[in-house]
Amino acid sequence: MIWILVMSLVACTEDEEPRDTALVDDTSIQGLAPPEGDPATVELAGECPMETHVGAFNVADYGDYTIAEGSVSDGIVPVTVLTPGTAAGDCQLFKRENPFCEGGCESDETCGLDGICVPYPSSLNIGQVTIAGLARDVVMDPIQPGDKYFDTSLPQPAASTGDLLQLRVENSDFGNFDLHGVAVEPLVLPEETLVLEQGKDLTVNWTASPGRSRVEVRLSIDQHGASPSTLVCDFEDDGQGLVPAAAIDALVVAGVTGFPNGSLSRRTLDRAEIDPGCVDLVTQSRRNPDVRVAGFTPCTDDEDCPEGLTCNQAIEICE
């Protein structure tokens, strides 16, 4: 199993070459306190609302490697607050807005959704971040520039299915907080390609893993639109999810440009409120299947297109 957490550690032995990793405190040698709680019953508060989401940490399995990562800001980038659209079954369409501020904004500002310039959020140093419960303790200090946290040197597997994980922040300028996660089973997809077709439901399959996890499906097929949309579905982890035709139709009508992409993520989520807003921990196993839209061919040049069509390189679609 593989897990992701974004932070970096300096780890080398007499037989190993030094690696580009984040700074480590002596605490990692002494060993962290084990996670507190029972993975079957520990409270998991879910993910942060977009309107207050200022930070996130990830422990994730990408199939071939393990990473841990995270960051926290002092505010919200307005365009990350998406507008909900069509809802059908377990799926919801979200649109990214494209605000306009007359005259533009200063270099340290961004355009707000109301057309007024606001300060661009700054990354925060929240001190040392630790994660206990993995095969190796993780102790992360912020990396400059940007106060990013990451560890790209975790072993594989980095945790066993069902293990309790605990992220701790202590003595920061924003107080102490803990976040929990439960190590999930690696996600296995029997189909490598998902084909979206207007007027038809789409059945998504995976190998089930009943427990604390749920499975999120994200589909994005408009890479060059002014206000691209993303379809997000939240399913029970029972091995199969239905994307209704109504949701697919709404996604296609919103626009098809460029090369479609999608992801499936088996995950647990926990969140904590701090002074700037909400911070969450995502413990996940993520896979990225090939996504195609019936009737549309993405392209980079004419050779990618069927006979009789040419590539509109501006939107990367054969016409």
Protein backbone atom coordinates (compact mmCIF):
# COMPACT_ATOMS: atom_id res chain seq x y z
CA MET A 1 0.00 0.00 0.00
CA ILE A 2 1.18 3.51 -0.72
CA TRP A 3 0.38 6.73 1.03
CA ILE A 4 0.96 10.43 0.35
CA LEU A 5 1.96 13.21 2.72
CA VAL A 6 3.62 16.33 1.48
CA MET A 7 6.71 17.13 3.54
CA SER A 8 10.40 16.19 3.33
CA LEU A 9 12.80 14.42 5.64
CA VAL A 10 16.54 14.11 5.70
CA ALA A 11 17.15 10.38 5.87
CA CYS A 12 20.40 8.63 5.11
CA THR A 13 22.56 5.87 6.50
CA GLU A 14 26.22 5.00 5.95
CA ASP A 15 25.15 2.96 2.90
CA GLU A 16 22.77 5.53 1.40
CA GLU A 17 23.27 8.72 -0.52
CA PRO A 18 21.65 11.84 1.02
CA ARG A 19 18.27 12.71 -0.50
CA ASP A 20 16.54 16.02 -1.10
CA THR A 21 14.17 16.02 1.85
CA ALA A 22 12.79 18.38 4.45
CA LEU A 23 14.44 19.19 7.75
CA VAL A 24 13.88 16.72 10.57
CA ASP A 25 13.84 17.28 14.30
CA ASP A 26 15.47 14.91 16.79
CA THR A 27 11.95 14.00 17.89
CA SER A 28 11.72 11.61 14.93
CA ILE A 29 14.61 9.59 16.37
CA GLN A 30 13.05 9.40 19.83
CA GLY A 31 9.74 8.23 18.38
CA LEU A 32 6.35 9.92 18.36
CA ALA A 33 3.56 9.10 20.74
CA PRO A 34 1.27 6.51 19.12
CA PRO A 35 -2.09 7.63 17.70
CA GLU A 36 -4.85 8.05 20.24
CA GLY A 37 -8.14 6.27 19.60
CA ASP A 38 -9.68 3.25 17.93
CA PRO A 39 -9.65 3.30 14.10
CA ALA A 40 -13.13 1.75 14.08
CA THR A 41 -14.69 4.50 16.19
CA VAL A 42 -12.42 7.57 16.17
CA GLU A 43 -14.35 10.67 15.15
CA LEU A 44 -13.75 11.73 11.54
CA ALA A 45 -15.34 15.11 10.92
CA GLY A 46 -15.16 15.03 7.12
CA GLU A 47 -13.66 17.55 4.72
CA CYS A 48 -13.72 21.33 5.04
CA PRO A 49 -16.39 23.43 3.34
CA MET A 50 -14.96 25.24 0.31
CA GLU A 51 -15.97 28.59 1.81
CA THR A 52 -13.62 28.17 4.79
CA HIS A 53 -10.99 25.77 3.40
CA VAL A 54 -7.54 27.29 4.05
CA GLY A 55 -5.35 24.20 4.29
CA ALA A 56 -5.03 20.48 3.64
CA PHE A 57 -2.67 17.59 4.33
CA ASN A 58 -2.62 14.33 2.39
CA VAL A 59 -1.57 10.79 3.14
CA ALA A 60 -2.17 8.97 -0.16
CA ASP A 61 -1.42 5.89 -2.21
CA TYR A 62 -0.72 6.65 -5.88
CA GLY A 63 0.16 3.10 -6.82
CA ASP A 64 3.90 3.38 -7.41
CA TYR A 65 5.18 5.66 -4.68
CA THR A 66 4.41 7.19 -1.30
CA ILE A 67 4.21 10.91 -0.55
CA ALA A 68 3.00 13.13 2.26
CA GLU A 69 2.13 16.78 1.63
CA GLY A 70 0.33 19.80 2.94
CA SER A 71 0.10 23.56 3.35
CA VAL A 72 -1.99 26.16 5.16
CA SER A 73 -2.86 29.72 4.07
CA ASP A 74 -4.25 32.76 5.84
CA GLY A 75 -7.21 33.05 3.49
CA ILE A 76 -9.15 31.56 0.58
CA VAL A 77 -8.45 32.02 -3.13
CA PRO A 78 -11.87 33.12 -4.44
CA VAL A 79 -11.86 30.91 -7.57
CA THR A 80 -11.50 27.77 -5.41
CA VAL A 81 -15.04 28.34 -4.12
CA LEU A 82 -17.01 26.54 -6.83
CA THR A 83 -20.62 27.15 -7.79
CA PRO A 84 -22.88 24.07 -7.48
CA GLY A 85 -24.95 23.14 -10.51
CA THR A 86 -26.90 20.06 -11.59
CA ALA A 87 -27.27 17.37 -8.91
CA ALA A 88 -28.28 13.81 -9.77
CA GLY A 89 -28.01 10.71 -7.60
CA ASP A 90 -24.74 10.81 -5.68
CA CYS A 91 -23.21 13.33 -8.11
CA GLN A 92 -22.97 17.12 -8.21
CA LEU A 93 -21.69 19.43 -10.93
CA PHE A 94 -19.47 22.32 -9.80
CA LYS A 95 -18.44 25.31 -11.93
CA ARG A 96 -15.35 27.44 -11.43
CA GLU A 97 -16.18 31.12 -11.68
CA ASN A 98 -14.08 33.58 -13.67
CA PRO A 99 -14.38 36.89 -11.80
CA PHE A 100 -13.55 40.21 -13.50
CA CYS A 101 -12.07 43.19 -11.71
CA GLU A 102 -12.08 46.34 -13.86
CA GLY A 103 -8.58 47.76 -14.17
CA GLY A 104 -7.00 44.59 -12.81
CA CYS A 105 -5.52 43.97 -9.37
CA GLU A 106 -2.14 44.65 -7.77
CA SER A 107 0.54 41.94 -7.79
CA ASP A 108 -0.30 40.92 -4.22
CA GLU A 109 -4.06 40.81 -4.87
CA THR A 110 -6.56 38.59 -6.66
CA CYS A 111 -10.00 39.28 -8.07
CA GLY A 112 -12.86 38.40 -5.75
CA LEU A 113 -16.12 36.82 -6.87
CA ASP A 114 -17.86 40.18 -6.38
CA GLY A 115 -15.49 41.93 -8.80
CA ILE A 116 -13.47 43.62 -6.05
CA CYS A 117 -9.74 43.01 -5.57
CA VAL A 118 -8.77 41.27 -2.33
CA PRO A 119 -5.37 40.37 -0.81
CA TYR A 120 -3.95 37.14 -2.21
CA PRO A 121 -3.67 34.58 0.62
CA SER A 122 -0.21 33.99 2.07
CA SER A 123 1.20 30.63 3.11
CA LEU A 124 1.52 30.12 6.85
CA ASN A 125 4.26 28.60 8.97
CA ILE A 126 2.34 26.49 11.48
CA GLY A 127 5.50 25.05 13.03
CA GLN A 128 6.38 21.40 13.09
CA VAL A 129 3.84 18.87 11.79
CA THR A 130 4.08 15.22 12.82
CA ILE A 131 2.22 12.13 11.69
CA ALA A 132 2.18 9.02 13.84
CA GLY A 133 0.89 5.57 12.90
CA LEU A 134 2.79 5.05 9.64
CA ALA A 135 5.55 2.50 9.15
CA ARG A 136 7.94 5.34 10.00
CA ASP A 137 7.25 8.45 12.05
CA VAL A 138 6.94 11.61 9.96
CA VAL A 139 8.28 14.88 11.36
CA MET A 140 7.99 17.85 9.00
CA ASP A 141 9.17 21.43 9.16
CA PRO A 142 8.06 24.05 6.60
CA ILE A 143 10.14 24.29 3.44
CA GLN A 144 10.91 27.68 1.93
CA PRO A 145 9.83 29.41 -0.13
CA GLY A 146 6.15 28.96 0.48
CA ASP A 147 5.99 27.17 3.85
CA LYS A 148 5.22 23.85 2.15
CA TYR A 149 5.30 20.55 4.02
CA PHE A 150 6.25 17.31 2.30
CA ASP A 151 7.92 13.93 2.67
CA THR A 152 8.78 11.97 -0.45
CA SER A 153 10.85 9.26 1.25
CA LEU A 154 8.19 7.15 2.96
CA PRO A 155 8.57 3.36 2.70
CA GLN A 156 6.21 1.23 0.67
CA PRO A 157 3.89 0.20 2.09
CA ALA A 158 3.72 3.20 4.40
CA ALA A 159 0.83 1.80 6.46
CA SER A 160 -1.34 -1.28 6.79
CA THR A 161 -5.04 -1.20 5.95
CA GLY A 162 -7.04 -0.17 9.00
CA ASP A 163 -4.13 1.47 10.86
CA LEU A 164 -4.97 4.67 12.74
CA LEU A 165 -2.99 7.77 11.74
CA GLN A 166 -2.74 10.98 13.71
CA LEU A 167 -1.43 14.34 12.51
CA ARG A 168 -0.42 16.68 15.31
CA VAL A 169 0.40 20.39 15.38
CA GLU A 170 1.58 21.75 18.72
CA ASN A 171 2.69 25.16 19.95
CA SER A 172 1.90 26.91 16.68
CA ASP A 173 0.78 30.53 16.44
CA PHE A 174 -2.68 29.13 15.71
CA GLY A 175 -2.90 26.77 18.65
CA ASN A 176 -2.74 22.98 18.86
CA PHE A 177 -4.83 20.64 16.73
CA ASP A 178 -5.02 16.95 15.84
CA LEU A 179 -6.36 15.27 12.73
CA HIS A 180 -7.03 11.56 12.32
CA GLY A 181 -7.13 9.22 9.36
CA VAL A 182 -7.54 5.49 8.80
CA ALA A 183 -5.20 3.80 6.34
CA VAL A 184 -7.33 2.57 3.44
CA GLU A 185 -6.92 -0.48 1.23
CA PRO A 186 -5.22 0.24 -2.11
CA LEU A 187 -7.83 1.05 -4.74
CA VAL A 188 -8.12 -1.47 -7.59
CA LEU A 189 -10.01 -0.58 -10.80
CA PRO A 190 -11.10 -3.40 -13.14
CA GLU A 191 -11.64 -0.95 -16.03
CA GLU A 192 -8.83 1.27 -17.25
CA THR A 193 -11.10 3.56 -19.30
CA LEU A 194 -14.30 5.44 -18.48
CA VAL A 195 -16.41 6.45 -21.49
CA LEU A 196 -18.91 9.28 -21.00
CA GLU A 197 -21.84 9.25 -23.41
CA GLN A 198 -24.74 11.66 -23.43
CA GLY A 199 -28.06 10.09 -22.53
CA LYS A 200 -26.47 7.09 -20.82
CA ASP A 201 -25.69 6.26 -17.20
CA LEU A 202 -22.07 5.40 -16.39
CA THR A 203 -21.32 2.54 -13.99
CA VAL A 204 -17.96 2.88 -12.21
CA ASN A 205 -16.50 -0.28 -10.65
CA TRP A 206 -13.76 -0.90 -8.12
CA THR A 207 -12.81 -3.58 -5.61
CA ALA A 208 -14.92 -2.89 -2.50
CA SER A 209 -13.45 -2.28 0.94
CA PRO A 210 -16.19 -1.87 3.57
CA GLY A 211 -15.06 0.20 6.53
CA ARG A 212 -14.56 3.89 7.31
CA SER A 213 -13.78 4.92 3.72
CA ARG A 214 -15.87 6.34 0.90
CA VAL A 215 -14.99 6.65 -2.79
CA GLU A 216 -14.93 9.96 -4.62
CA VAL A 217 -15.10 10.16 -8.43
CA ARG A 218 -14.07 13.41 -10.16
CA LEU A 219 -14.52 14.00 -13.90
CA SER A 220 -13.30 17.07 -15.81
CA ILE A 221 -13.71 17.36 -19.59
CA ASP A 222 -13.44 21.12 -20.25
CA GLN A 223 -9.79 22.10 -19.95
CA HIS A 224 -9.92 25.39 -21.89
CA GLY A 225 -13.31 26.86 -21.01
CA ALA A 226 -13.70 30.25 -19.34
CA SER A 227 -15.60 28.63 -16.46
CA PRO A 228 -14.86 24.88 -16.60
CA SER A 229 -16.98 22.44 -14.66
CA THR A 230 -16.14 19.33 -12.66
CA LEU A 231 -18.48 16.47 -11.83
CA VAL A 232 -17.97 15.12 -8.32
CA CYS A 233 -19.60 11.91 -7.06
CA ASP A 234 -19.44 10.56 -3.51
CA PHE A 235 -20.13 6.81 -3.20
CA GLU A 236 -20.26 4.20 -0.48
CA ASP A 237 -17.23 1.92 -0.70
CA ASP A 238 -19.26 -1.07 -1.89
CA GLY A 239 -17.51 -1.62 -5.23
CA GLN A 240 -19.84 0.21 -7.63
CA GLY A 241 -21.19 3.69 -8.25
CA LEU A 242 -23.74 4.99 -10.76
CA VAL A 243 -23.15 8.32 -12.51
CA PRO A 244 -26.63 9.26 -13.80
CA ALA A 245 -27.12 10.29 -17.42
CA ALA A 246 -28.51 13.64 -16.23
CA ALA A 247 -25.18 14.43 -14.54
CA ILE A 248 -23.15 13.37 -17.59
CA ASP A 249 -25.39 15.40 -19.91
CA ALA A 250 -24.91 18.51 -17.75
CA LEU A 251 -21.14 18.02 -17.75
CA VAL A 252 -20.96 17.64 -21.55
CA VAL A 253 -23.27 20.62 -22.17
CA ALA A 254 -21.01 22.75 -19.95
CA GLY A 255 -18.20 22.23 -22.47
CA VAL A 256 -15.78 19.68 -23.91
CA THR A 257 -12.26 20.90 -24.67
CA GLY A 258 -8.80 19.39 -24.43
CA PHE A 259 -7.93 16.03 -22.96
CA PRO A 260 -10.47 14.79 -20.36
CA ASN A 261 -9.25 13.58 -17.01
CA GLY A 262 -10.69 11.83 -13.99
CA SER A 263 -9.79 10.30 -10.67
CA LEU A 264 -11.12 7.80 -8.16
CA SER A 265 -10.09 8.16 -4.56
CA ARG A 266 -10.83 5.84 -1.64
CA ARG A 267 -10.45 8.08 1.40
CA THR A 268 -11.16 9.09 4.96
CA LEU A 269 -11.37 12.75 5.98
CA ASP A 270 -11.03 14.72 9.16
CA ARG A 271 -10.98 18.47 9.76
CA ALA A 272 -10.12 21.04 12.40
CA GLU A 273 -10.96 24.72 12.78
CA ILE A 274 -8.11 27.17 13.39
CA ASP A 275 -8.10 30.97 13.43
CA PRO A 276 -7.71 31.49 9.63
CA GLY A 277 -10.28 28.80 8.73
CA CYS A 278 -10.62 25.05 8.23
CA VAL A 279 -7.77 22.53 7.72
CA ASP A 280 -8.35 18.90 6.76
CA LEU A 281 -6.47 15.62 6.47
CA VAL A 282 -7.19 13.31 3.53
CA THR A 283 -6.01 9.72 3.87
CA GLN A 284 -6.44 8.19 0.44
CA SER A 285 -5.61 5.70 -2.27
CA ARG A 286 -5.99 7.41 -5.64
CA ARG A 287 -6.09 6.16 -9.22
CA ASN A 288 -6.45 8.06 -12.51
CA PRO A 289 -8.29 6.08 -15.20
CA ASP A 290 -8.33 7.14 -18.85
CA VAL A 291 -11.45 9.22 -19.58
CA ARG A 292 -13.10 9.60 -23.00
CA VAL A 293 -16.16 11.48 -24.20
CA ALA A 294 -18.14 9.78 -26.97
CA GLY A 295 -18.28 11.92 -30.09
CA PHE A 296 -15.26 14.07 -29.17
CA THR A 297 -11.61 13.47 -30.07
CA PRO A 298 -8.92 15.44 -28.22
CA CYS A 299 -5.87 16.45 -30.23
CA THR A 300 -2.61 18.34 -30.38
CA ASP A 301 -2.34 18.33 -34.20
CA ASP A 302 -4.24 17.12 -37.28
CA GLU A 303 -2.65 13.68 -37.13
CA ASP A 304 -4.67 12.94 -33.97
CA CYS A 305 -7.96 13.49 -35.80
CA PRO A 306 -10.17 11.10 -37.81
CA GLU A 307 -10.20 11.54 -41.57
CA GLY A 308 -12.07 14.67 -42.61
CA LEU A 309 -11.49 16.53 -39.32
CA THR A 310 -8.76 18.96 -38.30
CA CYS A 311 -7.39 19.88 -34.90
CA ASN A 312 -8.56 23.13 -33.36
CA GLN A 313 -5.37 23.63 -31.39
CA ALA A 314 -6.82 26.47 -29.33
CA ILE A 315 -9.21 24.08 -27.62
CA GLU A 316 -7.47 20.79 -28.53
CA ILE A 317 -10.54 19.20 -30.10
CA CYS A 318 -10.97 17.71 -33.57
CA GLU A 319 -13.62 19.55 -35.61
